[in-house]
Amino acid sequence: MFAHRILTLFFTYTFLGISIFFVSCSDVRFIRKTTTGGTVAIVGSRSDGMEKVNQMLTDHCQGPYTITEEQEVIVGEESTMTQEVKTKDDTRTKSTTVTRQPVIEYHVTYSCNNTP
């Protein structure tokens, strides 16, 4: 029983550590890219993502740019299902919980300042 508790705690804290790592990271990609500007999506931490966005926009525009719009956009829904089984007096009870959350991206629209 003691070993089971130790393993449960180990896996719980390992999972939390991995979750925190992935939540603090961000992914950045172009949604639209033209010769005069475009739109970039940030998935994850906005502050971490903006560092990547600034570099991407500087590279794309080959110099200065102006951010013309920033917005949060719901791009889908994520469902999580949790099941719990309890045994009490040789009777099993099972409960299921479904949680739905929106998947949100942060969109940054910009224009290049060096365009003719």
N, C-alpha and C. Protein backbone atom coordinates (compact mmCIF):
# COMPACT_ATOMS: atom_id res chain seq x y z
N MET A 1 0.82 -1.19 0.00
CA MET A 1 0.00 0.00 0.00
C MET A 1 0.87 1.26 0.00
N PHE A 2 1.94 1.25 0.80
CA PHE A 2 2.84 2.39 0.88
C PHE A 2 3.51 2.64 -0.48
N ALA A 3 3.96 1.55 -1.13
CA ALA A 3 4.60 1.68 -2.43
C ALA A 3 3.63 2.27 -3.46
N HIS A 4 2.37 1.87 -3.37
CA HIS A 4 1.35 2.40 -4.29
C HIS A 4 1.21 3.91 -4.11
N ARG A 5 1.20 4.37 -2.87
CA ARG A 5 1.10 5.83 -2.61
C ARG A 5 2.30 6.57 -3.15
N ILE A 6 3.48 6.00 -2.96
CA ILE A 6 4.70 6.64 -3.47
C ILE A 6 4.65 6.74 -4.99
N LEU A 7 4.27 5.67 -5.65
CA LEU A 7 4.16 5.70 -7.11
C LEU A 7 3.12 6.70 -7.59
N THR A 8 1.99 6.75 -6.90
CA THR A 8 0.93 7.69 -7.27
C THR A 8 1.44 9.13 -7.16
N LEU A 9 2.11 9.45 -6.06
CA LEU A 9 2.66 10.80 -5.89
C LEU A 9 3.71 11.10 -6.96
N PHE A 10 4.57 10.14 -7.24
CA PHE A 10 5.60 10.33 -8.25
C PHE A 10 4.99 10.67 -9.60
N PHE A 11 4.02 9.86 -10.04
CA PHE A 11 3.42 10.10 -11.35
C PHE A 11 2.61 11.39 -11.37
N THR A 12 1.96 11.73 -10.26
CA THR A 12 1.20 12.98 -10.19
C THR A 12 2.12 14.17 -10.36
N TYR A 13 3.22 14.22 -9.62
CA TYR A 13 4.13 15.36 -9.70
C TYR A 13 4.89 15.38 -11.03
N THR A 14 5.19 14.22 -11.58
CA THR A 14 5.83 14.18 -12.89
C THR A 14 4.89 14.75 -13.95
N PHE A 15 3.62 14.35 -13.91
CA PHE A 15 2.63 14.86 -14.85
C PHE A 15 2.48 16.37 -14.71
N LEU A 16 2.42 16.87 -13.47
CA LEU A 16 2.28 18.31 -13.25
C LEU A 16 3.49 19.06 -13.80
N GLY A 17 4.68 18.52 -13.60
CA GLY A 17 5.88 19.16 -14.11
C GLY A 17 5.89 19.23 -15.62
N ILE A 18 5.50 18.15 -16.27
CA ILE A 18 5.44 18.13 -17.74
C ILE A 18 4.37 19.10 -18.22
N SER A 19 3.21 19.13 -17.55
CA SER A 19 2.13 20.04 -17.95
C SER A 19 2.57 21.48 -17.85
N ILE A 20 3.25 21.85 -16.77
CA ILE A 20 3.71 23.23 -16.59
C ILE A 20 4.70 23.59 -17.68
N PHE A 21 5.59 22.65 -18.04
CA PHE A 21 6.56 22.90 -19.09
C PHE A 21 5.87 23.22 -20.41
N PHE A 22 4.88 22.41 -20.79
CA PHE A 22 4.20 22.63 -22.07
C PHE A 22 3.33 23.86 -22.05
N VAL A 23 2.74 24.20 -20.90
CA VAL A 23 1.91 25.40 -20.83
C VAL A 23 2.75 26.65 -21.00
N SER A 24 3.99 26.63 -20.48
CA SER A 24 4.82 27.82 -20.55
C SER A 24 5.45 28.01 -21.93
N CYS A 25 5.42 27.01 -22.77
CA CYS A 25 5.96 27.13 -24.12
C CYS A 25 4.89 27.68 -25.06
N SER A 26 5.33 28.16 -26.20
CA SER A 26 4.36 28.64 -27.17
C SER A 26 4.82 28.27 -28.57
N ASP A 27 3.85 28.15 -29.46
CA ASP A 27 4.11 27.84 -30.85
C ASP A 27 3.63 29.03 -31.67
N VAL A 28 4.40 29.43 -32.66
CA VAL A 28 4.07 30.59 -33.48
C VAL A 28 4.11 30.17 -34.95
N ARG A 29 3.10 30.61 -35.72
CA ARG A 29 3.08 30.28 -37.14
C ARG A 29 2.38 31.40 -37.92
N PHE A 30 2.74 31.50 -39.20
CA PHE A 30 2.06 32.45 -40.07
C PHE A 30 0.71 31.89 -40.47
N ILE A 31 -0.32 32.71 -40.40
CA ILE A 31 -1.65 32.36 -40.91
C ILE A 31 -1.80 32.93 -42.31
N ARG A 32 -1.34 34.17 -42.46
CA ARG A 32 -1.42 34.86 -43.75
C ARG A 32 -0.13 35.66 -43.90
N LYS A 33 0.46 35.62 -45.08
CA LYS A 33 1.73 36.32 -45.31
C LYS A 33 1.72 36.88 -46.72
N THR A 34 1.82 38.21 -46.83
CA THR A 34 1.88 38.87 -48.13
C THR A 34 3.16 39.70 -48.18
N THR A 35 3.38 40.39 -49.28
CA THR A 35 4.57 41.26 -49.38
C THR A 35 4.46 42.50 -48.51
N THR A 36 3.23 42.83 -48.09
CA THR A 36 3.02 44.05 -47.30
C THR A 36 2.70 43.80 -45.83
N GLY A 37 2.60 42.54 -45.42
CA GLY A 37 2.28 42.24 -44.02
C GLY A 37 1.69 40.86 -43.86
N GLY A 38 0.83 40.71 -42.86
CA GLY A 38 0.20 39.41 -42.66
C GLY A 38 -0.35 39.25 -41.26
N THR A 39 -0.62 37.98 -40.88
CA THR A 39 -1.15 37.63 -39.57
C THR A 39 -0.40 36.41 -39.05
N VAL A 40 -0.06 36.46 -37.77
CA VAL A 40 0.67 35.39 -37.10
C VAL A 40 -0.19 34.89 -35.95
N ALA A 41 -0.19 33.57 -35.72
CA ALA A 41 -0.93 32.97 -34.60
C ALA A 41 0.05 32.52 -33.53
N ILE A 42 -0.31 32.77 -32.27
CA ILE A 42 0.46 32.29 -31.12
C ILE A 42 -0.42 31.30 -30.38
N VAL A 43 0.09 30.08 -30.18
CA VAL A 43 -0.61 29.09 -29.38
C VAL A 43 0.23 28.89 -28.13
N GLY A 44 -0.37 29.14 -26.97
CA GLY A 44 0.38 29.04 -25.72
C GLY A 44 0.55 30.41 -25.10
N SER A 45 1.66 30.59 -24.44
CA SER A 45 1.93 31.83 -23.70
C SER A 45 2.13 33.01 -24.66
N ARG A 46 1.32 34.05 -24.48
CA ARG A 46 1.43 35.22 -25.35
C ARG A 46 2.78 35.90 -25.17
N SER A 47 3.24 36.06 -23.91
CA SER A 47 4.50 36.77 -23.67
C SER A 47 5.68 36.02 -24.27
N ASP A 48 5.72 34.69 -24.13
CA ASP A 48 6.79 33.90 -24.76
C ASP A 48 6.67 33.97 -26.27
N GLY A 49 5.46 33.91 -26.79
CA GLY A 49 5.23 33.93 -28.22
C GLY A 49 5.61 35.24 -28.87
N MET A 50 5.40 36.36 -28.17
CA MET A 50 5.68 37.66 -28.76
C MET A 50 7.16 37.84 -29.07
N GLU A 51 8.03 37.21 -28.30
CA GLU A 51 9.46 37.29 -28.61
C GLU A 51 9.73 36.64 -29.97
N LYS A 52 9.12 35.49 -30.20
CA LYS A 52 9.27 34.80 -31.48
C LYS A 52 8.62 35.60 -32.61
N VAL A 53 7.44 36.17 -32.33
CA VAL A 53 6.72 36.96 -33.34
C VAL A 53 7.57 38.15 -33.77
N ASN A 54 8.15 38.87 -32.82
CA ASN A 54 8.96 40.04 -33.17
C ASN A 54 10.09 39.67 -34.12
N GLN A 55 10.75 38.54 -33.88
CA GLN A 55 11.83 38.11 -34.76
C GLN A 55 11.30 37.72 -36.14
N MET A 56 10.17 36.99 -36.17
CA MET A 56 9.57 36.57 -37.45
C MET A 56 9.16 37.77 -38.29
N LEU A 57 8.55 38.78 -37.64
CA LEU A 57 8.09 39.95 -38.38
C LEU A 57 9.26 40.78 -38.89
N THR A 58 10.29 40.92 -38.08
CA THR A 58 11.48 41.66 -38.51
C THR A 58 12.12 40.97 -39.71
N ASP A 59 12.21 39.64 -39.66
CA ASP A 59 12.78 38.88 -40.79
C ASP A 59 11.91 39.01 -42.04
N HIS A 60 10.59 38.88 -41.87
CA HIS A 60 9.70 38.95 -43.03
C HIS A 60 9.69 40.33 -43.66
N CYS A 61 9.62 41.36 -42.83
CA CYS A 61 9.54 42.73 -43.35
C CYS A 61 10.92 43.29 -43.70
N GLN A 62 11.97 42.58 -43.36
CA GLN A 62 13.34 43.04 -43.55
C GLN A 62 13.54 44.42 -42.94
N GLY A 63 13.02 44.57 -41.75
CA GLY A 63 13.14 45.84 -41.04
C GLY A 63 11.91 46.12 -40.20
N PRO A 64 11.57 47.40 -40.06
CA PRO A 64 10.47 47.78 -39.18
C PRO A 64 9.10 47.34 -39.68
N TYR A 65 8.19 47.21 -38.74
CA TYR A 65 6.81 46.80 -39.02
C TYR A 65 5.91 47.48 -37.99
N THR A 66 4.60 47.48 -38.26
CA THR A 66 3.62 48.02 -37.34
C THR A 66 2.57 46.96 -37.07
N ILE A 67 2.32 46.69 -35.78
CA ILE A 67 1.24 45.77 -35.41
C ILE A 67 -0.05 46.56 -35.49
N THR A 68 -0.98 46.10 -36.33
CA THR A 68 -2.22 46.83 -36.56
C THR A 68 -3.40 46.26 -35.77
N GLU A 69 -3.29 44.99 -35.34
CA GLU A 69 -4.39 44.39 -34.60
C GLU A 69 -3.88 43.18 -33.81
N GLU A 70 -4.40 43.03 -32.60
CA GLU A 70 -4.13 41.86 -31.77
C GLU A 70 -5.46 41.37 -31.22
N GLN A 71 -5.71 40.05 -31.29
CA GLN A 71 -6.98 39.53 -30.79
C GLN A 71 -6.87 38.07 -30.40
N GLU A 72 -7.70 37.66 -29.43
CA GLU A 72 -7.84 36.25 -29.09
C GLU A 72 -8.92 35.65 -29.97
N VAL A 73 -8.65 34.46 -30.52
CA VAL A 73 -9.59 33.81 -31.44
C VAL A 73 -9.82 32.38 -30.96
N ILE A 74 -11.09 31.99 -30.85
CA ILE A 74 -11.43 30.61 -30.51
C ILE A 74 -11.35 29.80 -31.79
N VAL A 75 -10.48 28.77 -31.80
CA VAL A 75 -10.25 27.99 -33.01
C VAL A 75 -10.73 26.54 -32.89
N GLY A 76 -11.32 26.20 -31.75
CA GLY A 76 -11.81 24.83 -31.56
C GLY A 76 -12.22 24.60 -30.12
N GLU A 77 -12.40 23.33 -29.79
CA GLU A 77 -12.81 22.95 -28.44
C GLU A 77 -12.04 21.69 -28.05
N GLU A 78 -11.63 21.65 -26.79
CA GLU A 78 -10.90 20.50 -26.26
C GLU A 78 -11.73 19.85 -25.17
N SER A 79 -11.89 18.54 -25.24
CA SER A 79 -12.67 17.81 -24.24
C SER A 79 -11.74 16.91 -23.43
N THR A 80 -11.99 16.86 -22.12
CA THR A 80 -11.24 16.00 -21.23
C THR A 80 -12.24 15.15 -20.46
N MET A 81 -12.01 13.83 -20.43
CA MET A 81 -12.90 12.94 -19.71
C MET A 81 -12.14 12.30 -18.55
N THR A 82 -12.72 12.35 -17.36
CA THR A 82 -12.13 11.77 -16.16
C THR A 82 -13.08 10.72 -15.62
N GLN A 83 -12.56 9.55 -15.33
CA GLN A 83 -13.37 8.49 -14.74
C GLN A 83 -12.82 8.14 -13.38
N GLU A 84 -13.72 7.91 -12.45
CA GLU A 84 -13.33 7.55 -11.09
C GLU A 84 -14.13 6.34 -10.66
N VAL A 85 -13.44 5.33 -10.15
CA VAL A 85 -14.10 4.13 -9.67
C VAL A 85 -13.81 4.00 -8.18
N LYS A 86 -14.87 3.91 -7.38
CA LYS A 86 -14.72 3.76 -5.95
C LYS A 86 -15.32 2.44 -5.50
N THR A 87 -14.66 1.78 -4.57
CA THR A 87 -15.18 0.53 -4.01
C THR A 87 -15.51 0.77 -2.55
N LYS A 88 -16.75 0.49 -2.21
CA LYS A 88 -17.18 0.66 -0.82
C LYS A 88 -18.04 -0.54 -0.46
N ASP A 89 -17.60 -1.29 0.50
CA ASP A 89 -18.33 -2.48 0.94
C ASP A 89 -18.62 -3.42 -0.23
N ASP A 90 -17.58 -3.69 -1.04
CA ASP A 90 -17.68 -4.56 -2.21
C ASP A 90 -18.69 -4.07 -3.25
N THR A 91 -19.02 -2.80 -3.23
CA THR A 91 -19.90 -2.20 -4.23
C THR A 91 -19.07 -1.19 -5.02
N ARG A 92 -19.13 -1.30 -6.33
CA ARG A 92 -18.36 -0.38 -7.17
C ARG A 92 -19.27 0.72 -7.69
N THR A 93 -18.81 1.94 -7.55
CA THR A 93 -19.50 3.07 -8.15
C THR A 93 -18.56 3.72 -9.14
N LYS A 94 -19.09 4.13 -10.24
CA LYS A 94 -18.28 4.74 -11.30
C LYS A 94 -18.89 6.07 -11.67
N SER A 95 -18.06 7.11 -11.67
CA SER A 95 -18.55 8.42 -12.11
C SER A 95 -17.65 8.92 -13.23
N THR A 96 -18.24 9.61 -14.17
CA THR A 96 -17.52 10.14 -15.32
C THR A 96 -17.80 11.63 -15.41
N THR A 97 -16.73 12.40 -15.61
CA THR A 97 -16.84 13.85 -15.76
C THR A 97 -16.24 14.24 -17.11
N VAL A 98 -16.97 15.01 -17.87
CA VAL A 98 -16.47 15.53 -19.15
C VAL A 98 -16.36 17.04 -19.04
N THR A 99 -15.17 17.55 -19.33
CA THR A 99 -14.92 18.99 -19.27
C THR A 99 -14.59 19.48 -20.67
N ARG A 100 -15.23 20.55 -21.09
CA ARG A 100 -14.97 21.13 -22.41
C ARG A 100 -14.43 22.54 -22.23
N GLN A 101 -13.36 22.83 -22.96
CA GLN A 101 -12.76 24.16 -22.92
C GLN A 101 -12.46 24.62 -24.34
N PRO A 102 -12.59 25.92 -24.59
CA PRO A 102 -12.25 26.41 -25.92
C PRO A 102 -10.74 26.39 -26.14
N VAL A 103 -10.33 26.15 -27.37
CA VAL A 103 -8.92 26.26 -27.75
C VAL A 103 -8.74 27.66 -28.32
N ILE A 104 -7.85 28.43 -27.71
CA ILE A 104 -7.70 29.84 -28.06
C ILE A 104 -6.31 30.10 -28.63
N GLU A 105 -6.26 30.85 -29.71
CA GLU A 105 -5.01 31.34 -30.28
C GLU A 105 -5.03 32.86 -30.15
N TYR A 106 -3.85 33.43 -30.13
CA TYR A 106 -3.70 34.88 -30.11
C TYR A 106 -3.20 35.28 -31.49
N HIS A 107 -3.96 36.10 -32.21
CA HIS A 107 -3.60 36.50 -33.58
C HIS A 107 -3.03 37.92 -33.58
N VAL A 108 -1.93 38.09 -34.28
CA VAL A 108 -1.27 39.39 -34.42
C VAL A 108 -1.23 39.73 -35.91
N THR A 109 -1.88 40.83 -36.29
CA THR A 109 -1.87 41.29 -37.68
C THR A 109 -0.91 42.48 -37.77
N TYR A 110 -0.13 42.52 -38.84
CA TYR A 110 0.91 43.55 -38.95
C TYR A 110 1.06 44.03 -40.40
N SER A 111 1.70 45.17 -40.55
CA SER A 111 2.06 45.66 -41.90
C SER A 111 3.52 46.05 -41.88
N CYS A 112 4.18 45.76 -42.98
CA CYS A 112 5.60 46.11 -43.11
C CYS A 112 5.73 47.60 -43.41
N ASN A 113 6.70 48.26 -42.80
CA ASN A 113 6.87 49.71 -43.02
C ASN A 113 7.76 50.02 -44.20
N ASN A 114 8.46 49.02 -44.76
CA ASN A 114 9.39 49.26 -45.86
C ASN A 114 8.79 48.96 -47.21
N THR A 115 7.48 48.80 -47.31
CA THR A 115 6.87 48.43 -48.60
C THR A 115 6.73 49.67 -49.46
N PRO A 116 6.97 49.52 -50.78
CA PRO A 116 6.86 50.68 -51.68
C PRO A 116 5.43 51.11 -51.89
